[in-house]
N, C-alpha and C. Protein backbone atom coordinates (compact mmCIF):
# COMPACT_ATOMS: atom_id res chain seq x y z
N UNK A 1 10.55 -14.49 9.97
CA UNK A 1 9.67 -14.79 8.87
C UNK A 1 10.44 -14.56 7.56
N UNK A 2 10.32 -15.52 6.64
CA UNK A 2 11.03 -15.40 5.37
C UNK A 2 10.05 -15.08 4.24
N UNK A 3 10.60 -14.53 3.21
CA UNK A 3 9.80 -14.18 2.04
C UNK A 3 10.05 -15.20 0.94
N UNK A 4 8.99 -15.72 0.40
CA UNK A 4 9.11 -16.66 -0.71
C UNK A 4 8.89 -15.91 -2.02
N UNK A 5 9.85 -16.05 -2.90
CA UNK A 5 9.73 -15.42 -4.21
C UNK A 5 9.05 -16.40 -5.14
N UNK A 6 7.80 -16.16 -5.43
CA UNK A 6 7.01 -17.11 -6.21
C UNK A 6 7.53 -17.27 -7.62
N UNK A 7 8.04 -16.22 -8.22
CA UNK A 7 8.56 -16.29 -9.58
C UNK A 7 9.71 -17.26 -9.70
N UNK A 8 10.63 -17.21 -8.74
CA UNK A 8 11.79 -18.10 -8.78
C UNK A 8 11.39 -19.55 -8.49
N UNK A 9 10.47 -19.74 -7.59
CA UNK A 9 10.03 -21.10 -7.26
C UNK A 9 9.36 -21.76 -8.47
N UNK A 10 8.55 -21.01 -9.18
CA UNK A 10 7.87 -21.56 -10.35
C UNK A 10 8.86 -21.85 -11.47
N UNK A 11 9.86 -20.99 -11.65
CA UNK A 11 10.85 -21.22 -12.70
C UNK A 11 11.70 -22.44 -12.40
N UNK A 12 12.10 -22.61 -11.15
CA UNK A 12 12.96 -23.74 -10.84
C UNK A 12 12.19 -25.06 -10.94
N UNK A 13 10.91 -25.05 -10.69
CA UNK A 13 10.12 -26.27 -10.77
C UNK A 13 9.91 -26.71 -12.21
N UNK A 14 9.77 -25.78 -13.13
CA UNK A 14 9.50 -26.11 -14.53
C UNK A 14 10.73 -26.00 -15.42
N UNK A 15 11.86 -25.66 -14.87
CA UNK A 15 13.06 -25.45 -15.69
C UNK A 15 13.57 -26.74 -16.31
N UNK A 16 13.40 -27.86 -15.66
CA UNK A 16 13.96 -29.11 -16.15
C UNK A 16 13.20 -29.66 -17.36
N UNK A 17 11.97 -29.29 -17.54
CA UNK A 17 11.16 -29.85 -18.61
C UNK A 17 10.54 -28.72 -19.44
N UNK A 18 11.13 -28.39 -20.59
CA UNK A 18 10.57 -27.30 -21.40
C UNK A 18 9.21 -27.68 -21.96
N UNK A 19 8.39 -26.68 -22.18
CA UNK A 19 7.03 -26.92 -22.67
C UNK A 19 7.03 -27.26 -24.16
N UNK A 20 8.10 -26.97 -24.86
CA UNK A 20 8.14 -27.16 -26.30
C UNK A 20 9.27 -28.10 -26.66
N UNK A 21 9.03 -28.99 -27.59
CA UNK A 21 10.06 -29.91 -28.06
C UNK A 21 10.79 -29.29 -29.24
N UNK A 22 11.02 -30.09 -30.26
CA UNK A 22 11.66 -29.62 -31.50
C UNK A 22 10.60 -29.66 -32.59
N UNK A 23 9.91 -28.56 -32.82
CA UNK A 23 8.75 -28.59 -33.72
C UNK A 23 9.10 -28.91 -35.17
N UNK A 24 10.25 -28.49 -35.66
CA UNK A 24 10.59 -28.77 -37.05
C UNK A 24 10.87 -30.26 -37.26
N UNK A 25 11.61 -30.87 -36.35
CA UNK A 25 11.87 -32.30 -36.45
C UNK A 25 10.59 -33.11 -36.28
N UNK A 26 9.75 -32.68 -35.35
CA UNK A 26 8.47 -33.34 -35.11
C UNK A 26 7.60 -33.30 -36.37
N UNK A 27 7.52 -32.14 -36.99
CA UNK A 27 6.74 -31.98 -38.21
C UNK A 27 7.31 -32.81 -39.35
N UNK A 28 8.63 -32.84 -39.47
CA UNK A 28 9.27 -33.62 -40.53
C UNK A 28 9.00 -35.10 -40.36
N UNK A 29 9.13 -35.62 -39.15
CA UNK A 29 8.88 -37.03 -38.91
C UNK A 29 7.42 -37.40 -39.15
N UNK A 30 6.51 -36.53 -38.73
CA UNK A 30 5.10 -36.81 -38.98
C UNK A 30 4.75 -36.72 -40.47
N UNK A 31 5.40 -35.82 -41.19
CA UNK A 31 5.17 -35.73 -42.63
C UNK A 31 5.68 -36.98 -43.34
N UNK A 32 6.82 -37.51 -42.90
CA UNK A 32 7.34 -38.74 -43.48
C UNK A 32 6.38 -39.90 -43.20
N UNK A 33 5.86 -39.95 -41.98
CA UNK A 33 4.91 -41.02 -41.64
C UNK A 33 3.61 -40.89 -42.44
N UNK A 34 3.15 -39.66 -42.65
CA UNK A 34 1.92 -39.46 -43.43
C UNK A 34 2.13 -39.84 -44.89
N UNK A 35 3.28 -39.49 -45.46
CA UNK A 35 3.57 -39.86 -46.84
C UNK A 35 3.70 -41.38 -46.97
N UNK A 36 4.31 -42.00 -45.98
CA UNK A 36 4.42 -43.46 -46.00
C UNK A 36 3.07 -44.13 -45.90
N UNK A 37 2.18 -43.58 -45.09
CA UNK A 37 0.83 -44.16 -44.97
C UNK A 37 0.06 -43.97 -46.27
N UNK A 38 0.21 -42.82 -46.91
CA UNK A 38 -0.45 -42.61 -48.20
C UNK A 38 0.07 -43.60 -49.24
N UNK A 39 1.37 -43.80 -49.25
CA UNK A 39 1.96 -44.77 -50.17
C UNK A 39 1.46 -46.18 -49.86
N UNK A 40 1.33 -46.50 -48.59
CA UNK A 40 0.82 -47.81 -48.20
C UNK A 40 -0.64 -47.99 -48.62
N UNK A 41 -1.43 -46.95 -48.50
CA UNK A 41 -2.83 -47.04 -48.92
C UNK A 41 -2.97 -47.20 -50.43
N UNK A 42 -2.10 -46.55 -51.17
CA UNK A 42 -2.16 -46.65 -52.63
C UNK A 42 -1.65 -48.02 -53.09
N UNK A 43 -0.54 -48.47 -52.52
CA UNK A 43 0.08 -49.72 -52.97
C UNK A 43 -0.45 -50.93 -52.21
N UNK A 44 -1.27 -50.73 -51.22
CA UNK A 44 -1.74 -51.81 -50.35
C UNK A 44 -2.36 -53.00 -51.04
N UNK A 45 -3.25 -52.81 -51.98
CA UNK A 45 -3.89 -53.98 -52.60
C UNK A 45 -2.92 -54.86 -53.41
N UNK A 46 -1.81 -54.32 -53.83
CA UNK A 46 -0.91 -55.10 -54.67
C UNK A 46 0.27 -55.72 -53.91
N UNK A 47 0.40 -55.46 -52.62
CA UNK A 47 1.51 -56.05 -51.87
C UNK A 47 0.99 -57.12 -50.92
N UNK A 48 1.90 -57.96 -50.46
CA UNK A 48 1.53 -59.07 -49.57
C UNK A 48 1.08 -58.52 -48.21
N UNK A 49 0.20 -59.26 -47.57
CA UNK A 49 -0.35 -58.84 -46.28
C UNK A 49 0.72 -58.69 -45.19
N UNK A 50 1.66 -59.62 -45.04
CA UNK A 50 2.68 -59.43 -44.00
C UNK A 50 3.53 -58.17 -44.22
N UNK A 51 3.82 -57.86 -45.47
CA UNK A 51 4.58 -56.64 -45.77
C UNK A 51 3.76 -55.40 -45.43
N UNK A 52 2.49 -55.41 -45.73
CA UNK A 52 1.62 -54.28 -45.42
C UNK A 52 1.49 -54.07 -43.92
N UNK A 53 1.34 -55.16 -43.17
CA UNK A 53 1.23 -55.06 -41.70
C UNK A 53 2.55 -54.58 -41.12
N UNK A 54 3.65 -55.09 -41.61
CA UNK A 54 4.96 -54.64 -41.14
C UNK A 54 5.21 -53.18 -41.43
N UNK A 55 4.81 -52.74 -42.62
CA UNK A 55 4.98 -51.33 -42.98
C UNK A 55 4.11 -50.43 -42.11
N UNK A 56 2.89 -50.84 -41.85
CA UNK A 56 2.01 -50.04 -41.00
C UNK A 56 2.55 -49.97 -39.57
N UNK A 57 3.10 -51.09 -39.09
CA UNK A 57 3.70 -51.10 -37.75
C UNK A 57 4.90 -50.17 -37.69
N UNK A 58 5.73 -50.22 -38.72
CA UNK A 58 6.91 -49.34 -38.75
C UNK A 58 6.49 -47.87 -38.77
N UNK A 59 5.44 -47.54 -39.50
CA UNK A 59 4.97 -46.16 -39.56
C UNK A 59 4.40 -45.71 -38.21
N UNK A 60 3.70 -46.61 -37.53
CA UNK A 60 3.19 -46.26 -36.19
C UNK A 60 4.34 -46.07 -35.20
N UNK A 61 5.38 -46.88 -35.35
CA UNK A 61 6.55 -46.71 -34.48
C UNK A 61 7.26 -45.39 -34.77
N UNK A 62 7.27 -44.98 -36.04
CA UNK A 62 7.86 -43.69 -36.40
C UNK A 62 7.09 -42.54 -35.75
N UNK A 63 5.78 -42.62 -35.74
CA UNK A 63 4.97 -41.59 -35.07
C UNK A 63 5.26 -41.58 -33.58
N UNK A 64 5.35 -42.75 -32.97
CA UNK A 64 5.68 -42.81 -31.54
C UNK A 64 7.07 -42.26 -31.25
N UNK A 65 8.03 -42.59 -32.09
CA UNK A 65 9.39 -42.07 -31.90
C UNK A 65 9.41 -40.56 -32.09
N UNK A 66 8.65 -40.05 -33.04
CA UNK A 66 8.58 -38.60 -33.24
C UNK A 66 8.04 -37.92 -32.02
N UNK A 67 7.03 -38.51 -31.40
CA UNK A 67 6.44 -37.91 -30.20
C UNK A 67 7.44 -37.92 -29.05
N UNK A 68 8.14 -39.05 -28.86
CA UNK A 68 9.07 -39.17 -27.75
C UNK A 68 10.29 -38.28 -27.93
N UNK A 69 10.85 -38.27 -29.13
CA UNK A 69 12.12 -37.56 -29.37
C UNK A 69 11.91 -36.06 -29.53
N UNK A 70 10.91 -35.67 -30.31
CA UNK A 70 10.82 -34.26 -30.69
C UNK A 70 9.48 -33.62 -30.42
N UNK A 71 8.56 -34.33 -29.84
CA UNK A 71 7.21 -33.80 -29.66
C UNK A 71 7.07 -32.86 -28.48
N UNK A 72 5.88 -32.37 -28.28
CA UNK A 72 5.61 -31.47 -27.16
C UNK A 72 5.83 -32.17 -25.82
N UNK A 73 6.32 -31.43 -24.87
CA UNK A 73 6.56 -31.98 -23.53
C UNK A 73 5.36 -31.70 -22.65
N UNK A 74 4.80 -32.76 -22.11
CA UNK A 74 3.62 -32.61 -21.25
C UNK A 74 3.97 -32.84 -19.80
């Protein structure tokens, strides 16, 4: 009969994927996206519609990239 060390088994299973990403980079990227969205909301009525849609898409992609690169690991 063998003894299973539960502490080691749990550590080896979760060792490859840390629970925390890079919180400072994540916060910085989200702050840049929030400032860009605020700027888009303020300047929105005076810019062309394709430029506004493109800017909003780029900001959403920045949020997605922030989540993938530096966000919390689930």
